[in-house]
Amino acid sequence: MPQLDTSTWLMTIASMFIALFILFQLKICNRTFSPNPSPEETKPVQHNNPWENKWTKIYLPLSLPLQ
């Protein structure tokens, strides 16, 4: 059974990584990003819910006493 020649694998893998790095650098270079994004002013929205002024408690099934 012939031996598999792996002497060129290192050069092939290294050149593939270099080519992918250059390709991704070129793709990222062509993108345009805004130079300085500024946050937008947001105003809080006031909702009038009927339960806001009341004391409420949610009873979960697991927090009920055992029967």
N, C-alpha and C. Protein backbone atom coordinates (compact mmCIF):
# COMPACT_ATOMS: atom_id res chain seq x y z
N MET A 1 0.86 -1.17 0.00
CA MET A 1 0.00 0.00 0.00
C MET A 1 0.91 1.24 0.00
N PRO A 2 0.69 2.16 -0.95
CA PRO A 2 1.58 3.32 -1.04
C PRO A 2 1.37 4.30 0.11
N GLN A 3 2.44 4.98 0.47
CA GLN A 3 2.40 5.97 1.55
C GLN A 3 1.81 7.27 1.02
N LEU A 4 0.97 7.93 1.85
CA LEU A 4 0.37 9.19 1.45
C LEU A 4 1.40 10.31 1.62
N ASP A 5 1.62 11.07 0.56
CA ASP A 5 2.62 12.14 0.59
C ASP A 5 1.98 13.40 1.19
N THR A 6 2.43 13.78 2.39
CA THR A 6 1.86 14.95 3.07
C THR A 6 2.83 16.11 3.12
N SER A 7 3.86 16.09 2.29
CA SER A 7 4.88 17.13 2.37
C SER A 7 4.36 18.46 1.85
N THR A 8 3.36 18.49 1.00
CA THR A 8 2.87 19.76 0.45
C THR A 8 1.67 20.30 1.21
N TRP A 9 1.19 19.56 2.22
CA TRP A 9 -0.01 20.00 2.93
C TRP A 9 0.22 21.31 3.68
N LEU A 10 1.37 21.46 4.30
CA LEU A 10 1.64 22.67 5.07
C LEU A 10 1.58 23.91 4.17
N MET A 11 2.20 23.84 3.00
CA MET A 11 2.20 24.98 2.08
C MET A 11 0.79 25.24 1.56
N THR A 12 0.02 24.19 1.31
CA THR A 12 -1.35 24.36 0.80
C THR A 12 -2.24 25.01 1.86
N ILE A 13 -2.15 24.54 3.08
CA ILE A 13 -2.99 25.10 4.16
C ILE A 13 -2.57 26.53 4.47
N ALA A 14 -1.26 26.79 4.50
CA ALA A 14 -0.78 28.14 4.79
C ALA A 14 -1.21 29.11 3.71
N SER A 15 -1.11 28.72 2.44
CA SER A 15 -1.53 29.62 1.36
C SER A 15 -3.04 29.82 1.36
N MET A 16 -3.80 28.80 1.80
CA MET A 16 -5.25 28.95 1.88
C MET A 16 -5.60 29.98 2.95
N PHE A 17 -4.95 29.92 4.12
CA PHE A 17 -5.22 30.89 5.18
C PHE A 17 -4.84 32.31 4.76
N ILE A 18 -3.72 32.45 4.07
CA ILE A 18 -3.30 33.78 3.60
C ILE A 18 -4.30 34.32 2.58
N ALA A 19 -4.75 33.47 1.68
CA ALA A 19 -5.72 33.91 0.67
C ALA A 19 -7.05 34.29 1.32
N LEU A 20 -7.51 33.51 2.29
CA LEU A 20 -8.76 33.84 2.98
C LEU A 20 -8.62 35.14 3.78
N PHE A 21 -7.47 35.35 4.41
CA PHE A 21 -7.25 36.58 5.15
C PHE A 21 -7.30 37.79 4.23
N ILE A 22 -6.62 37.70 3.09
CA ILE A 22 -6.63 38.81 2.12
C ILE A 22 -8.03 39.03 1.58
N LEU A 23 -8.75 37.96 1.29
CA LEU A 23 -10.11 38.08 0.76
C LEU A 23 -11.02 38.77 1.77
N PHE A 24 -10.97 38.38 3.04
CA PHE A 24 -11.83 39.01 4.05
C PHE A 24 -11.42 40.46 4.30
N GLN A 25 -10.12 40.75 4.23
CA GLN A 25 -9.69 42.14 4.39
C GLN A 25 -10.23 43.01 3.27
N LEU A 26 -10.22 42.50 2.05
CA LEU A 26 -10.76 43.27 0.93
C LEU A 26 -12.26 43.45 1.05
N LYS A 27 -12.95 42.43 1.54
CA LYS A 27 -14.40 42.56 1.71
C LYS A 27 -14.73 43.59 2.79
N ILE A 28 -13.97 43.59 3.88
CA ILE A 28 -14.24 44.53 4.97
C ILE A 28 -13.86 45.95 4.56
N CYS A 29 -12.81 46.10 3.75
CA CYS A 29 -12.38 47.44 3.31
C CYS A 29 -13.47 48.15 2.52
N ASN A 30 -14.26 47.43 1.76
CA ASN A 30 -15.25 48.05 0.90
C ASN A 30 -16.50 48.48 1.64
N ARG A 31 -16.65 48.11 2.89
CA ARG A 31 -17.84 48.51 3.66
C ARG A 31 -17.68 49.94 4.15
N THR A 32 -18.80 50.65 4.22
CA THR A 32 -18.76 52.01 4.74
C THR A 32 -19.45 52.03 6.09
N PHE A 33 -18.78 52.57 7.07
CA PHE A 33 -19.31 52.67 8.42
C PHE A 33 -19.51 54.14 8.74
N SER A 34 -20.53 54.43 9.53
CA SER A 34 -20.73 55.82 9.92
C SER A 34 -19.60 56.23 10.85
N PRO A 35 -19.05 57.43 10.68
CA PRO A 35 -17.85 57.80 11.45
C PRO A 35 -18.10 57.94 12.94
N ASN A 36 -19.22 58.54 13.32
CA ASN A 36 -19.47 58.73 14.74
C ASN A 36 -20.98 58.63 14.99
N PRO A 37 -21.47 57.46 15.31
CA PRO A 37 -22.91 57.34 15.55
C PRO A 37 -23.33 58.07 16.82
N SER A 38 -24.41 58.81 16.72
CA SER A 38 -24.89 59.55 17.88
C SER A 38 -26.17 58.90 18.40
N PRO A 39 -26.32 58.81 19.70
CA PRO A 39 -27.53 58.18 20.26
C PRO A 39 -28.75 59.09 20.05
N GLU A 40 -29.87 58.46 19.79
CA GLU A 40 -31.10 59.22 19.60
C GLU A 40 -31.74 59.50 20.96
N GLU A 41 -32.38 60.63 21.06
CA GLU A 41 -33.09 60.98 22.28
C GLU A 41 -34.41 60.23 22.32
N THR A 42 -34.63 59.49 23.37
CA THR A 42 -35.89 58.76 23.51
C THR A 42 -36.61 59.28 24.75
N LYS A 43 -37.89 59.47 24.58
CA LYS A 43 -38.70 59.96 25.70
C LYS A 43 -39.45 58.77 26.31
N PRO A 44 -39.50 58.70 27.63
CA PRO A 44 -40.22 57.59 28.26
C PRO A 44 -41.73 57.72 28.00
N VAL A 45 -42.34 56.59 27.74
CA VAL A 45 -43.78 56.56 27.47
C VAL A 45 -44.50 56.20 28.77
N GLN A 46 -45.47 57.01 29.12
CA GLN A 46 -46.24 56.77 30.34
C GLN A 46 -47.53 56.03 29.98
N HIS A 47 -47.70 54.85 30.54
CA HIS A 47 -48.91 54.06 30.32
C HIS A 47 -49.79 54.17 31.55
N ASN A 48 -51.06 54.34 31.32
CA ASN A 48 -52.01 54.39 32.43
C ASN A 48 -52.66 53.02 32.59
N ASN A 49 -52.09 52.24 33.46
CA ASN A 49 -52.62 50.92 33.73
C ASN A 49 -53.44 50.96 35.01
N PRO A 50 -54.53 50.21 35.06
CA PRO A 50 -55.36 50.26 36.27
C PRO A 50 -54.68 49.65 37.49
N TRP A 51 -53.67 48.83 37.31
CA TRP A 51 -53.04 48.16 38.45
C TRP A 51 -51.79 48.89 38.93
N GLU A 52 -51.46 50.03 38.37
CA GLU A 52 -50.24 50.71 38.79
C GLU A 52 -50.31 51.18 40.24
N ASN A 53 -51.46 51.67 40.68
CA ASN A 53 -51.57 52.22 42.03
C ASN A 53 -52.03 51.18 43.06
N LYS A 54 -52.22 49.97 42.63
CA LYS A 54 -52.70 48.94 43.54
C LYS A 54 -51.56 47.98 43.88
N TRP A 55 -51.69 47.38 45.05
CA TRP A 55 -50.73 46.35 45.42
C TRP A 55 -51.22 45.03 44.85
N THR A 56 -50.39 44.38 44.06
CA THR A 56 -50.78 43.10 43.46
C THR A 56 -49.72 42.07 43.80
N LYS A 57 -50.14 40.84 43.84
CA LYS A 57 -49.22 39.75 44.07
C LYS A 57 -49.62 38.61 43.14
N ILE A 58 -48.64 38.02 42.49
CA ILE A 58 -48.90 36.91 41.59
C ILE A 58 -48.60 35.62 42.35
N TYR A 59 -49.55 34.77 42.39
CA TYR A 59 -49.38 33.49 43.07
C TYR A 59 -49.02 32.43 42.04
N LEU A 60 -47.80 31.95 42.13
CA LEU A 60 -47.38 30.89 41.24
C LEU A 60 -47.85 29.55 41.80
N PRO A 61 -48.08 28.58 40.93
CA PRO A 61 -48.53 27.26 41.43
C PRO A 61 -47.53 26.63 42.38
N LEU A 62 -46.23 26.87 42.18
CA LEU A 62 -45.25 26.24 43.05
C LEU A 62 -45.11 26.95 44.39
N SER A 63 -45.60 28.19 44.48
CA SER A 63 -45.45 28.91 45.75
C SER A 63 -46.66 28.74 46.66
N LEU A 64 -47.67 28.03 46.20
CA LEU A 64 -48.85 27.79 47.04
C LEU A 64 -48.51 26.76 48.11
N PRO A 65 -49.17 26.80 49.24
CA PRO A 65 -48.88 25.80 50.29
C PRO A 65 -49.32 24.40 49.83
N LEU A 66 -48.61 23.44 50.37
CA LEU A 66 -48.94 22.05 50.01
C LEU A 66 -50.27 21.64 50.61
N GLN A 67 -51.00 20.82 49.88
CA GLN A 67 -52.32 20.39 50.35
C GLN A 67 -52.27 18.99 50.91
